Amino acid sequence: PTEKKEDVPLYRSQGIFAVNKPLEWSSNDVVSYIRGILERDARNRGAEVRKPRRRAKKGVVRVGHGGTLDPLASGVLVVGVGSGTKELQGFLSGSKRYTAGVELGFQTET
C-alpha cells in the first residue's frame, strides 16, 4: 500500500540546530542550501512540496536563521526548520561577538 502525498510528512524532524557557516557564504546561502536538501528529501519520499508564497502554508518547507553573520566571517549560525522557525526570534535579541587573529611584524611584497 502506497501512502498518499498528503499522508507523507514534509519533514523527518523539526527544530533548531547550529551550522558552522563557511567563509564567503551569506546566511541566506546557508538557508537556501538547507532548504534545497530538505525539499529534495521530501520529494524523494513522495511528499507534495510547494514553493514559498505569501499565503501558502501547506507543503512549504520552512527554513530560517536566527541572525545574520557577515559573509566574510565563519562561525555558528542558528537555523530553524519547520516549527523551529518560530523559536528563532529569541536568538535575534542577543549580541554577536567576532574574534580575529592578527600577526604583527609580517611583511609581503604586495
C-alpha atoms as a PDB file:
ATOM      1  CA  PRO A   1       0.000   0.000   0.000  1.00  0.00           C
ATOM      2  CA  THR A   2       1.425   3.361  -1.026  1.00  0.00           C
ATOM      3  CA  GLU A   3       0.884   6.499   1.021  1.00  0.00           C
ATOM      4  CA  LYS A   4      -0.990   9.423  -0.479  1.00  0.00           C
ATOM      5  CA  LYS A   5       1.100  12.571  -0.953  1.00  0.00           C
ATOM      6  CA  GLU A   6      -0.828  14.352   1.811  1.00  0.00           C
ATOM      7  CA  ASP A   7      -0.008  11.498   4.222  1.00  0.00           C
ATOM      8  CA  VAL A   8       3.772  11.786   3.718  1.00  0.00           C
ATOM      9  CA  PRO A   9       5.272  14.189   6.305  1.00  0.00           C
ATOM     10  CA  LEU A  10       7.111  17.183   4.861  1.00  0.00           C
ATOM     11  CA  TYR A  11       9.889  16.931   7.470  1.00  0.00           C
ATOM     12  CA  ARG A  12      11.600  13.983   9.097  1.00  0.00           C
ATOM     13  CA  SER A  13      12.431  16.257  12.045  1.00  0.00           C
ATOM     14  CA  GLN A  14      11.783  19.898  13.052  1.00  0.00           C
ATOM     15  CA  GLY A  15      13.501  22.283  15.445  1.00  0.00           C
ATOM     16  CA  ILE A  16      16.623  24.400  15.740  1.00  0.00           C
ATOM     17  CA  PHE A  17      20.271  23.492  15.255  1.00  0.00           C
ATOM     18  CA  ALA A  18      23.673  25.109  14.783  1.00  0.00           C
ATOM     19  CA  VAL A  19      25.554  25.277  11.476  1.00  0.00           C
ATOM     20  CA  ASN A  20      29.220  26.189  11.099  1.00  0.00           C
ATOM     21  CA  LYS A  21      28.778  28.846   8.380  1.00  0.00           C
ATOM     22  CA  PRO A  22      31.611  28.713   5.841  1.00  0.00           C
ATOM     23  CA  LEU A  23      33.646  31.786   4.949  1.00  0.00           C
ATOM     24  CA  GLU A  24      32.210  33.738   1.982  1.00  0.00           C
ATOM     25  CA  TRP A  25      28.736  32.182   2.343  1.00  0.00           C
ATOM     26  CA  SER A  26      25.919  34.533   3.347  1.00  0.00           C
ATOM     27  CA  SER A  27      23.437  33.410   5.977  1.00  0.00           C
ATOM     28  CA  ASN A  28      20.813  33.207   3.225  1.00  0.00           C
ATOM     29  CA  ASP A  29      23.139  30.978   1.164  1.00  0.00           C
ATOM     30  CA  VAL A  30      23.173  28.524   4.080  1.00  0.00           C
ATOM     31  CA  VAL A  31      19.378  28.675   4.470  1.00  0.00           C
ATOM     32  CA  SER A  32      18.841  28.159   0.712  1.00  0.00           C
ATOM     33  CA  TYR A  33      21.241  25.213   0.670  1.00  0.00           C
ATOM     34  CA  ILE A  34      19.485  23.522   3.609  1.00  0.00           C
ATOM     35  CA  ARG A  35      16.033  24.232   2.132  1.00  0.00           C
ATOM     36  CA  GLY A  36      17.128  22.599  -1.142  1.00  0.00           C
ATOM     37  CA  ILE A  37      18.308  19.476   0.675  1.00  0.00           C
ATOM     38  CA  LEU A  38      15.048  19.230   2.637  1.00  0.00           C
ATOM     39  CA  GLU A  39      12.867  19.818  -0.443  1.00  0.00           C
ATOM     40  CA  ARG A  40      14.698  17.088  -2.401  1.00  0.00           C
ATOM     41  CA  ASP A  41      14.349  14.695   0.534  1.00  0.00           C
ATOM     42  CA  ALA A  42      10.623  15.411   0.890  1.00  0.00           C
ATOM     43  CA  ARG A  43      10.019  14.926  -2.850  1.00  0.00           C
ATOM     44  CA  ASN A  44      12.015  11.667  -2.855  1.00  0.00           C
ATOM     45  CA  ARG A  45       9.789  10.382  -0.050  1.00  0.00           C
ATOM     46  CA  GLY A  46       6.679  11.345  -2.033  1.00  0.00           C
ATOM     47  CA  ALA A  47       5.640  14.493  -0.142  1.00  0.00           C
ATOM     48  CA  GLU A  48       3.981  17.349  -2.001  1.00  0.00           C
ATOM     49  CA  VAL A  49       6.372  20.312  -1.872  1.00  0.00           C
ATOM     50  CA  ARG A  50       5.386  23.833  -2.919  1.00  0.00           C
ATOM     51  CA  LYS A  51       7.459  26.959  -3.444  1.00  0.00           C
ATOM     52  CA  PRO A  52       7.067  29.633  -0.730  1.00  0.00           C
ATOM     53  CA  ARG A  53       4.286  32.111  -1.443  1.00  0.00           C
ATOM     54  CA  ARG A  54       2.735  34.782   0.753  1.00  0.00           C
ATOM     55  CA  ARG A  55      -0.280  32.790   1.899  1.00  0.00           C
ATOM     56  CA  ALA A  56       0.885  29.252   1.189  1.00  0.00           C
ATOM     57  CA  LYS A  57       1.387  27.222   4.345  1.00  0.00           C
ATOM     58  CA  LYS A  58       0.753  23.623   3.425  1.00  0.00           C
ATOM     59  CA  GLY A  59       3.561  21.902   1.577  1.00  0.00           C
ATOM     60  CA  VAL A  60       6.126  24.701   2.035  1.00  0.00           C
ATOM     61  CA  VAL A  61       9.493  23.780   3.563  1.00  0.00           C
ATOM     62  CA  ARG A  62      10.150  26.452   6.209  1.00  0.00           C
ATOM     63  CA  VAL A  63      13.798  27.256   6.972  1.00  0.00           C
ATOM     64  CA  GLY A  64      15.209  30.399   8.600  1.00  0.00           C
ATOM     65  CA  HIS A  65      18.186  31.700  10.574  1.00  0.00           C
ATOM     66  CA  GLY A  66      18.486  33.384  13.953  1.00  0.00           C
ATOM     67  CA  GLY A  67      20.593  36.370  12.922  1.00  0.00           C
ATOM     68  CA  THR A  68      22.812  37.287  10.010  1.00  0.00           C
ATOM     69  CA  LEU A  69      26.542  36.598  10.056  1.00  0.00           C
ATOM     70  CA  ASP A  70      28.788  38.640   7.797  1.00  0.00           C
ATOM     71  CA  PRO A  71      29.787  36.724   4.624  1.00  0.00           C
ATOM     72  CA  LEU A  72      33.438  37.482   5.444  1.00  0.00           C
ATOM     73  CA  ALA A  73      33.075  35.676   8.786  1.00  0.00           C
ATOM     74  CA  SER A  74      32.788  31.994   9.536  1.00  0.00           C
ATOM     75  CA  GLY A  75      31.041  30.839  12.673  1.00  0.00           C
ATOM     76  CA  VAL A  76      27.929  29.419  14.278  1.00  0.00           C
ATOM     77  CA  LEU A  77      24.622  30.216  12.585  1.00  0.00           C
ATOM     78  CA  VAL A  78      21.427  29.150  14.355  1.00  0.00           C
ATOM     79  CA  VAL A  79      18.999  27.610  11.848  1.00  0.00           C
ATOM     80  CA  GLY A  80      15.346  26.697  12.348  1.00  0.00           C
ATOM     81  CA  VAL A  81      13.417  24.093  10.355  1.00  0.00           C
ATOM     82  CA  GLY A  82       9.621  23.747  10.340  1.00  0.00           C
ATOM     83  CA  SER A  83       8.195  24.615  13.761  1.00  0.00           C
ATOM     84  CA  GLY A  84      11.714  25.624  14.841  1.00  0.00           C
ATOM     85  CA  THR A  85      11.440  28.813  12.773  1.00  0.00           C
ATOM     86  CA  LYS A  86       9.048  30.204  15.403  1.00  0.00           C
ATOM     87  CA  GLU A  87      11.761  29.882  18.065  1.00  0.00           C
ATOM     88  CA  LEU A  88      14.343  31.909  16.124  1.00  0.00           C
ATOM     89  CA  GLN A  89      13.147  35.353  17.269  1.00  0.00           C
ATOM     90  CA  GLY A  90      14.743  34.720  20.665  1.00  0.00           C
ATOM     91  CA  PHE A  91      18.180  34.454  19.046  1.00  0.00           C
ATOM     92  CA  LEU A  92      17.842  37.837  17.330  1.00  0.00           C
ATOM     93  CA  SER A  93      17.769  39.720  20.657  1.00  0.00           C
ATOM     94  CA  GLY A  94      21.252  38.508  21.636  1.00  0.00           C
ATOM     95  CA  SER A  95      24.536  40.016  20.601  1.00  0.00           C
ATOM     96  CA  LYS A  96      27.239  38.679  18.291  1.00  0.00           C
ATOM     97  CA  ARG A  97      30.924  38.566  19.002  1.00  0.00           C
ATOM     98  CA  TYR A  98      33.615  38.320  16.358  1.00  0.00           C
ATOM     99  CA  THR A  99      37.112  37.068  17.117  1.00  0.00           C
ATOM    100  CA  ALA A 100      40.018  37.948  14.835  1.00  0.00           C
ATOM    101  CA  GLY A 101      43.670  36.953  14.788  1.00  0.00           C
ATOM    102  CA  VAL A 102      46.436  39.432  13.966  1.00  0.00           C
ATOM    103  CA  GLU A 103      50.101  38.748  13.274  1.00  0.00           C
ATOM    104  CA  LEU A 104      52.393  41.778  13.663  1.00  0.00           C
ATOM    105  CA  GLY A 105      55.817  42.159  12.055  1.00  0.00           C
ATOM    106  CA  PHE A 106      54.899  40.208   8.922  1.00  0.00           C
ATOM    107  CA  GLN A 107      55.810  41.702   5.561  1.00  0.00           C
ATOM    108  CA  THR A 108      54.853  40.775   1.986  1.00  0.00           C
ATOM    109  CA  GLU A 109      55.741  42.133  -1.471  1.00  0.00           C
ATOM    110  CA  THR A 110      52.171  43.387  -2.130  1.00  0.00           C
END
